[in-house]
Amino acid sequence: MMHAITLKDLDLSSPIEAIINKNTIPPKFKNCLFDNYIPDKDYPSQNQAKERLIQLVQQIETFKRKTPKNRLLRKFLKTNKPPHIYLDGVFGVGKTHLLASIGNSYTGPKVFLSFSELMYLIAYFTLLDVVNMLSKYDIVLLDEFEVDDPGDAMMGINFVREINKTDTIVIATSNTLPSQIGARKLDLLTFKARIGTLINSFETIIIDGKDYRFRQPSLDFSILNSNLKEVFENYKPKNKAKLYVNAEELIDKLREVHPTRYRNIAYSLDAIFIENLRPFSDAELMDALRFTYLIDMLYYGNVNIFASSNINDIWDLFHEDLKEGKFKTKVGRCLSRLTEKCVLLKAG
């Protein structure tokens, strides 16, 4: 299906609960396995995390096999529920690869959600509704648990508190900025402080390392002096569509559509071409947050991103106040993912 589409061609009407009903491992991580996670020898914690999570999958399978469904029998045959897991580390050390490896290795029912998706679900339904929806799964794979925003963090904690009453196990990755020495430890302490006594239900696995996205660019950068429209016309999608869109038109569409439906944009595309992408000012917080969430979805969908802009570096896309403000982790993650997936061309 080698064709170009417009925003009008996209179906953005799917029900909100489709996040859960259709949420398998994202396309970018569908082939992630423990076997193809290559730990950095300079950081032993990466291999230690891998080995522990392999063991965890076995623990969960044993727990599910030995736990009777009959409540009366369960009182007599006590089986220890495996712990929830909190994978802590900076961007680009393979936390989501390991998270997806769990999902791809475990044969029982599991669901993959980003923390943002969980927040949107709880806001749209209710906390208990979402717990009921997710408790039918053995494992909830929760990517990018955020602790910097107290409101979202508390909602996430309340979710864990309620689902902890079921047999479902939550495995979450952290969302930590590599901005300064000790930042990760501070976020870990914040997580422990906010989760309170629930910390006893969690096992924390710390993964050290450097952001691989800066070491392994995945796109062909030989086109940097080309015109965006020319690159678009010459691009041949593999099995999905390609979309050429002006940045302002895209931002307008993001304002109209509930963020849970951004997935429909991402999962329909092989590549997106954004014309005249400009920096977000400090007064455009909501537009900036919508854009960061779109990039999350494009990243999960393994969509190649091409953009024309007058900025010289992708890290200039956000005002400094946005990069250092309340939502700095969302912005930082967006920039890290753009570093891997986006080819930036000069506008003109």
Protein backbone atom coordinates (compact mmCIF):
# COMPACT_ATOMS: atom_id res chain seq x y z
CA MET A 1 0.00 0.00 0.00
CA MET A 2 2.45 2.61 -1.24
CA HIS A 3 0.31 5.73 -1.11
CA ALA A 4 0.12 9.22 0.30
CA ILE A 5 -2.73 10.33 2.54
CA THR A 6 -3.93 13.54 4.17
CA LEU A 7 -5.20 14.20 7.69
CA LYS A 8 -8.74 13.97 6.35
CA ASP A 9 -8.14 10.37 5.32
CA LEU A 10 -7.40 9.24 8.88
CA ASP A 11 -10.08 7.53 10.96
CA LEU A 12 -9.97 9.31 14.33
CA SER A 13 -13.30 8.08 15.67
CA SER A 14 -12.30 4.93 17.57
CA PRO A 15 -13.75 4.57 21.09
CA ILE A 16 -11.52 5.51 24.01
CA GLU A 17 -11.55 1.98 25.44
CA ALA A 18 -9.83 0.78 22.26
CA ILE A 19 -6.63 1.78 24.04
CA ILE A 20 -7.07 -1.35 26.13
CA ASN A 21 -8.92 -3.66 23.75
CA LYS A 22 -6.38 -3.25 20.95
CA ASN A 23 -3.29 -2.56 22.99
CA THR A 24 -0.74 -5.22 22.26
CA ILE A 25 3.01 -4.60 22.20
CA PRO A 26 3.63 -1.50 20.01
CA PRO A 27 5.03 -2.07 16.49
CA LYS A 28 8.44 -0.63 17.41
CA PHE A 29 8.86 -3.26 20.12
CA LYS A 30 7.03 -6.24 18.59
CA ASN A 31 10.32 -8.08 17.96
CA CYS A 32 11.92 -7.23 21.29
CA LEU A 33 13.07 -10.28 23.21
CA PHE A 34 15.42 -10.90 26.08
CA ASP A 35 17.73 -12.60 23.59
CA ASN A 36 18.14 -9.46 21.46
CA TYR A 37 18.56 -7.09 24.38
CA ILE A 38 22.32 -6.46 24.29
CA PRO A 39 23.55 -5.18 27.66
CA ASP A 40 26.35 -2.61 27.72
CA LYS A 41 29.34 -4.35 29.33
CA ASP A 42 30.33 -1.07 30.98
CA TYR A 43 27.05 -1.14 32.94
CA PRO A 44 26.56 -4.52 34.69
CA SER A 45 23.13 -3.45 35.97
CA GLN A 46 21.75 -3.90 32.44
CA ASN A 47 22.52 -7.62 32.35
CA GLN A 48 21.40 -8.00 35.97
CA ALA A 49 18.05 -6.43 35.08
CA LYS A 50 17.66 -8.72 32.09
CA GLU A 51 18.34 -11.86 34.13
CA ARG A 52 15.99 -10.77 36.92
CA LEU A 53 13.13 -10.11 34.50
CA ILE A 54 13.59 -13.49 32.80
CA GLN A 55 13.22 -15.00 36.26
CA LEU A 56 10.17 -12.82 36.94
CA VAL A 57 8.32 -14.13 33.88
CA GLN A 58 8.88 -17.65 35.18
CA GLN A 59 7.63 -16.60 38.63
CA ILE A 60 4.43 -15.13 37.19
CA GLU A 61 3.78 -18.23 35.07
CA THR A 62 4.23 -20.44 38.14
CA PHE A 63 1.98 -18.19 40.24
CA LYS A 64 -0.79 -18.25 37.64
CA ARG A 65 -0.51 -22.00 37.20
CA LYS A 66 -0.62 -22.80 40.91
CA THR A 67 -3.18 -20.22 42.08
CA PRO A 68 -6.69 -21.74 42.26
CA LYS A 69 -9.51 -19.67 40.83
CA ASN A 70 -11.82 -20.88 43.58
CA ARG A 71 -11.59 -18.37 46.45
CA LEU A 72 -12.17 -21.01 49.15
CA LEU A 73 -9.30 -23.14 47.89
CA ARG A 74 -7.03 -20.12 47.76
CA LYS A 75 -7.39 -19.63 51.51
CA PHE A 76 -5.86 -23.04 52.10
CA LEU A 77 -3.35 -23.11 49.24
CA LYS A 78 -1.49 -19.88 49.74
CA THR A 79 0.72 -18.85 46.85
CA ASN A 80 2.97 -15.83 46.96
CA LYS A 81 2.10 -13.23 44.37
CA PRO A 82 5.25 -12.00 42.59
CA PRO A 83 6.13 -8.34 43.29
CA HIS A 84 5.24 -5.40 41.13
CA ILE A 85 8.36 -4.08 39.40
CA TYR A 86 9.67 -0.53 39.03
CA LEU A 87 12.37 -0.29 36.34
CA ASP A 88 14.36 2.84 37.07
CA GLY A 89 16.86 4.47 34.72
CA VAL A 90 17.55 7.38 32.39
CA PHE A 91 16.42 7.63 28.77
CA GLY A 92 17.74 5.15 26.23
CA VAL A 93 19.05 2.31 28.41
CA GLY A 94 16.55 -0.23 27.10
CA LYS A 95 13.83 -0.13 29.76
CA THR A 96 11.00 -0.29 27.22
CA HIS A 97 12.83 -3.02 25.28
CA LEU A 98 12.89 -5.09 28.47
CA LEU A 99 9.27 -4.22 29.22
CA ALA A 100 8.23 -5.41 25.75
CA SER A 101 10.41 -8.51 26.14
CA ILE A 102 8.30 -9.46 29.15
CA GLY A 103 5.13 -9.06 27.10
CA ASN A 104 6.54 -10.98 24.14
CA SER A 105 7.78 -13.81 26.37
CA TYR A 106 4.76 -14.21 28.61
CA THR A 107 2.09 -16.42 27.06
CA GLY A 108 -0.83 -15.30 29.25
CA PRO A 109 -3.00 -12.18 28.89
CA LYS A 110 -1.09 -8.90 29.18
CA VAL A 111 -1.60 -5.30 28.18
CA PHE A 112 0.89 -2.55 27.30
CA LEU A 113 0.04 1.05 28.24
CA SER A 114 1.95 4.28 28.49
CA PHE A 115 1.46 6.16 31.74
CA SER A 116 -0.16 8.99 29.78
CA GLU A 117 -2.68 6.57 28.30
CA LEU A 118 -3.51 5.31 31.78
CA MET A 119 -4.13 8.89 32.94
CA TYR A 120 -6.40 9.59 29.97
CA LEU A 121 -8.37 6.42 30.67
CA ILE A 122 -8.87 7.25 34.35
CA ALA A 123 -9.91 10.81 33.50
CA TYR A 124 -12.42 9.57 30.91
CA PHE A 125 -13.88 6.70 32.94
CA THR A 126 -13.20 6.30 36.66
CA LEU A 127 -10.31 4.78 38.59
CA LEU A 128 -12.30 1.69 39.57
CA ASP A 129 -13.65 1.25 36.04
CA VAL A 130 -10.10 1.18 34.69
CA VAL A 131 -8.96 -1.20 37.43
CA ASN A 132 -11.80 -3.54 36.47
CA MET A 133 -10.82 -3.31 32.80
CA LEU A 134 -7.17 -4.07 33.47
CA SER A 135 -7.53 -6.67 36.21
CA LYS A 136 -8.53 -9.26 33.60
CA TYR A 137 -4.90 -9.23 32.49
CA ASP A 138 -2.14 -11.10 34.30
CA ILE A 139 0.37 -8.31 33.65
CA VAL A 140 0.02 -4.57 33.07
CA LEU A 141 3.13 -3.26 31.30
CA LEU A 142 3.18 0.44 32.19
CA ASP A 143 5.70 2.54 30.29
CA GLU A 144 7.07 5.83 31.63
CA PHE A 145 5.60 6.14 35.12
CA GLU A 146 5.78 9.87 35.91
CA VAL A 147 6.61 11.14 39.38
CA ASP A 148 7.37 14.81 38.66
CA ASP A 149 3.69 15.86 38.46
CA PRO A 150 2.12 15.27 41.91
CA GLY A 151 -1.45 14.98 40.58
CA ASP A 152 -0.66 12.37 37.94
CA ALA A 153 1.70 10.55 40.30
CA MET A 154 -1.00 10.29 42.95
CA MET A 155 -3.54 9.03 40.41
CA GLY A 156 -1.01 6.42 39.31
CA ILE A 157 -0.37 5.41 42.92
CA ASN A 158 -4.10 5.06 43.58
CA PHE A 159 -4.36 2.85 40.51
CA VAL A 160 -1.57 0.60 41.83
CA ARG A 161 -3.20 0.52 45.27
CA GLU A 162 -6.49 -0.75 43.82
CA ILE A 163 -5.06 -3.20 41.31
CA ASN A 164 -2.79 -4.55 44.05
CA LYS A 165 -5.97 -6.07 45.53
CA THR A 166 -6.20 -8.31 42.46
CA ASP A 167 -3.85 -10.93 41.01
CA THR A 168 -2.63 -8.53 38.32
CA ILE A 169 1.03 -7.57 38.40
CA VAL A 170 2.21 -4.12 37.33
CA ILE A 171 5.62 -3.72 35.73
CA ALA A 172 6.46 -0.04 35.25
CA THR A 173 9.36 1.84 33.76
CA SER A 174 10.47 5.16 35.18
CA ASN A 175 10.57 8.50 33.44
CA THR A 176 13.82 10.11 34.62
CA LEU A 177 15.74 13.00 33.12
CA PRO A 178 19.50 12.51 32.77
CA SER A 179 20.02 16.21 33.54
CA GLN A 180 22.33 16.07 36.51
CA ILE A 181 24.12 13.76 38.91
CA GLY A 182 21.70 12.38 41.44
CA ALA A 183 18.56 13.24 39.46
CA ARG A 184 17.60 9.60 39.07
CA LYS A 185 18.10 8.91 42.76
CA LEU A 186 15.95 11.94 43.56
CA ASP A 187 13.13 10.67 41.32
CA LEU A 188 13.43 7.22 42.86
CA LEU A 189 13.14 8.73 46.34
CA THR A 190 10.15 10.77 45.14
CA PHE A 191 8.51 7.60 43.83
CA LYS A 192 9.10 5.80 47.12
CA ALA A 193 7.80 8.76 49.14
CA ARG A 194 4.63 9.11 47.08
CA ILE A 195 3.83 5.43 46.93
CA GLY A 196 4.14 5.12 50.73
CA THR A 197 3.47 1.70 52.23
CA LEU A 198 2.80 0.27 48.75
CA ILE A 199 6.56 0.28 48.23
CA ASN A 200 6.60 -3.07 50.04
CA SER A 201 4.73 -4.53 47.07
CA PHE A 202 7.37 -3.28 44.64
CA GLU A 203 10.82 -4.44 43.68
CA THR A 204 12.99 -1.67 42.25
CA ILE A 205 15.46 -2.55 39.51
CA ILE A 206 17.97 0.17 38.66
CA ILE A 207 19.42 0.22 35.13
CA ASP A 208 22.45 2.45 34.53
CA GLY A 209 23.87 3.45 31.17
CA LYS A 210 23.98 6.00 28.36
CA ASP A 211 21.24 6.92 25.90
CA TYR A 212 21.73 4.51 22.98
CA ARG A 213 19.73 6.82 20.70
CA PHE A 214 22.70 9.13 20.44
CA ARG A 215 24.95 6.24 19.45
CA GLN A 216 22.73 4.50 16.93
CA PRO A 217 20.83 6.84 14.60
CA SER A 218 18.38 4.68 12.66
CA LEU A 219 17.74 6.87 9.61
CA ASP A 220 19.63 7.81 6.47
CA PHE A 221 21.01 11.32 6.98
CA SER A 222 22.40 11.65 3.45
CA ILE A 223 19.31 13.66 2.46
CA LEU A 224 19.97 16.59 4.80
CA ASN A 225 20.43 19.06 1.94
CA SER A 226 17.27 17.92 0.15
CA ASN A 227 13.88 19.60 -0.05
CA LEU A 228 11.23 18.05 2.23
CA LYS A 229 8.66 17.78 -0.56
CA GLU A 230 11.19 16.05 -2.78
CA VAL A 231 12.09 13.59 -0.03
CA PHE A 232 8.37 12.91 0.50
CA GLU A 233 7.74 12.24 -3.19
CA ASN A 234 10.70 9.85 -3.42
CA TYR A 235 9.89 8.00 -0.19
CA LYS A 236 8.38 4.54 -0.66
CA PRO A 237 6.43 3.28 2.37
CA LYS A 238 6.93 -0.37 3.26
CA ASN A 239 3.39 -1.41 4.16
CA LYS A 240 1.52 1.66 5.40
CA ALA A 241 0.90 5.21 4.23
CA LYS A 242 2.95 8.40 4.20
CA LEU A 243 1.60 11.78 5.31
CA TYR A 244 2.77 15.27 4.31
CA VAL A 245 1.39 17.97 6.58
CA ASN A 246 2.09 21.58 7.50
CA ALA A 247 3.07 21.95 11.16
CA GLU A 248 0.30 24.45 11.92
CA GLU A 249 -2.31 22.21 10.30
CA LEU A 250 -1.05 19.30 12.37
CA ILE A 251 -1.18 21.28 15.62
CA ASP A 252 -4.72 22.42 14.81
CA LYS A 253 -5.77 18.79 14.30
CA LEU A 254 -4.17 17.77 17.61
CA ARG A 255 -6.30 20.40 19.35
CA GLU A 256 -9.48 18.94 17.84
CA VAL A 257 -8.84 15.27 18.62
CA HIS A 258 -8.73 13.55 22.02
CA PRO A 259 -5.11 12.47 22.66
CA THR A 260 -6.15 8.82 22.98
CA ARG A 261 -6.85 8.91 19.26
CA TYR A 262 -3.34 10.10 18.32
CA ARG A 263 -2.53 6.41 18.13
CA ASN A 264 -4.77 6.22 15.04
CA ILE A 265 -2.53 8.76 13.33
CA ALA A 266 0.66 6.96 14.25
CA TYR A 267 -0.41 3.39 13.57
CA SER A 268 -1.66 4.29 10.08
CA LEU A 269 1.71 5.60 8.93
CA ASP A 270 5.09 4.43 7.77
CA ALA A 271 6.39 8.01 7.68
CA ILE A 272 5.25 11.54 8.45
CA PHE A 273 6.65 14.68 6.81
CA ILE A 274 6.10 17.88 8.83
CA GLU A 275 6.58 21.14 6.93
CA ASN A 276 7.84 24.29 8.69
CA LEU A 277 8.11 22.89 12.19
CA ARG A 278 8.71 25.86 14.47
CA PRO A 279 9.81 26.10 18.11
CA PHE A 280 7.18 26.00 20.85
CA SER A 281 7.22 29.12 23.02
CA ASP A 282 6.76 29.12 26.78
CA ALA A 283 3.17 30.36 26.22
CA GLU A 284 2.26 27.27 24.16
CA LEU A 285 2.39 24.65 26.88
CA MET A 286 -0.76 22.75 25.85
CA ASP A 287 0.26 22.59 22.20
CA ALA A 288 3.72 21.46 23.26
CA LEU A 289 2.27 18.68 25.44
CA ARG A 290 -0.01 17.50 22.64
CA PHE A 291 2.97 17.38 20.30
CA THR A 292 5.09 15.41 22.80
CA TYR A 293 2.31 12.85 23.14
CA LEU A 294 2.02 12.55 19.36
CA ILE A 295 5.76 11.87 19.21
CA ASP A 296 5.32 9.17 21.85
CA MET A 297 2.70 7.51 19.65
CA LEU A 298 4.79 7.91 16.48
CA TYR A 299 7.70 6.36 18.35
CA TYR A 300 5.62 3.39 19.52
CA GLY A 301 4.31 3.02 15.97
CA ASN A 302 7.89 3.00 14.63
CA VAL A 303 7.03 5.85 12.26
CA ASN A 304 9.88 7.62 10.47
CA ILE A 305 9.73 11.38 11.00
CA PHE A 306 10.99 14.01 8.57
CA ALA A 307 10.62 17.72 9.23
CA SER A 308 11.65 21.00 7.68
CA SER A 309 12.47 23.82 10.05
CA ASN A 310 14.56 26.93 10.57
CA ILE A 311 15.98 25.55 13.82
CA ASN A 312 19.49 24.14 13.62
CA ASP A 313 19.09 21.43 16.24
CA ILE A 314 16.08 19.39 17.34
CA TRP A 315 16.88 20.37 20.94
CA ASP A 316 15.90 23.94 20.03
CA LEU A 317 12.32 22.85 19.39
CA PHE A 318 11.13 23.80 22.88
CA HIS A 319 11.61 27.00 24.88
CA GLU A 320 14.03 26.62 27.79
CA ASP A 321 11.20 27.14 30.29
CA LEU A 322 9.41 24.13 28.79
CA LYS A 323 12.56 22.01 28.94
CA GLU A 324 13.13 22.89 32.59
CA GLY A 325 9.54 23.29 33.80
CA LYS A 326 6.92 21.07 35.36
CA PHE A 327 6.70 18.81 32.33
CA LYS A 328 10.42 18.58 31.60
CA THR A 329 10.36 14.78 31.57
CA LYS A 330 7.74 14.69 28.81
CA VAL A 331 9.72 17.24 26.79
CA GLY A 332 13.02 15.49 27.46
CA ARG A 333 11.62 12.12 26.38
CA CYS A 334 10.19 13.71 23.23
CA LEU A 335 13.56 15.20 22.31
CA SER A 336 15.36 11.94 23.00
CA ARG A 337 12.94 10.05 20.75
CA LEU A 338 13.15 12.70 18.03
CA THR A 339 16.92 12.36 18.14
CA GLU A 340 16.49 8.75 17.08
CA LYS A 341 13.54 9.00 14.70
CA CYS A 342 13.60 12.46 13.10
CA VAL A 343 15.55 13.78 10.13
CA LEU A 344 15.59 17.57 10.29
CA LEU A 345 15.85 19.46 6.99
CA LYS A 346 16.28 23.16 6.38
CA ALA A 347 13.03 24.97 5.56
CA GLY A 348 12.91 26.83 2.31
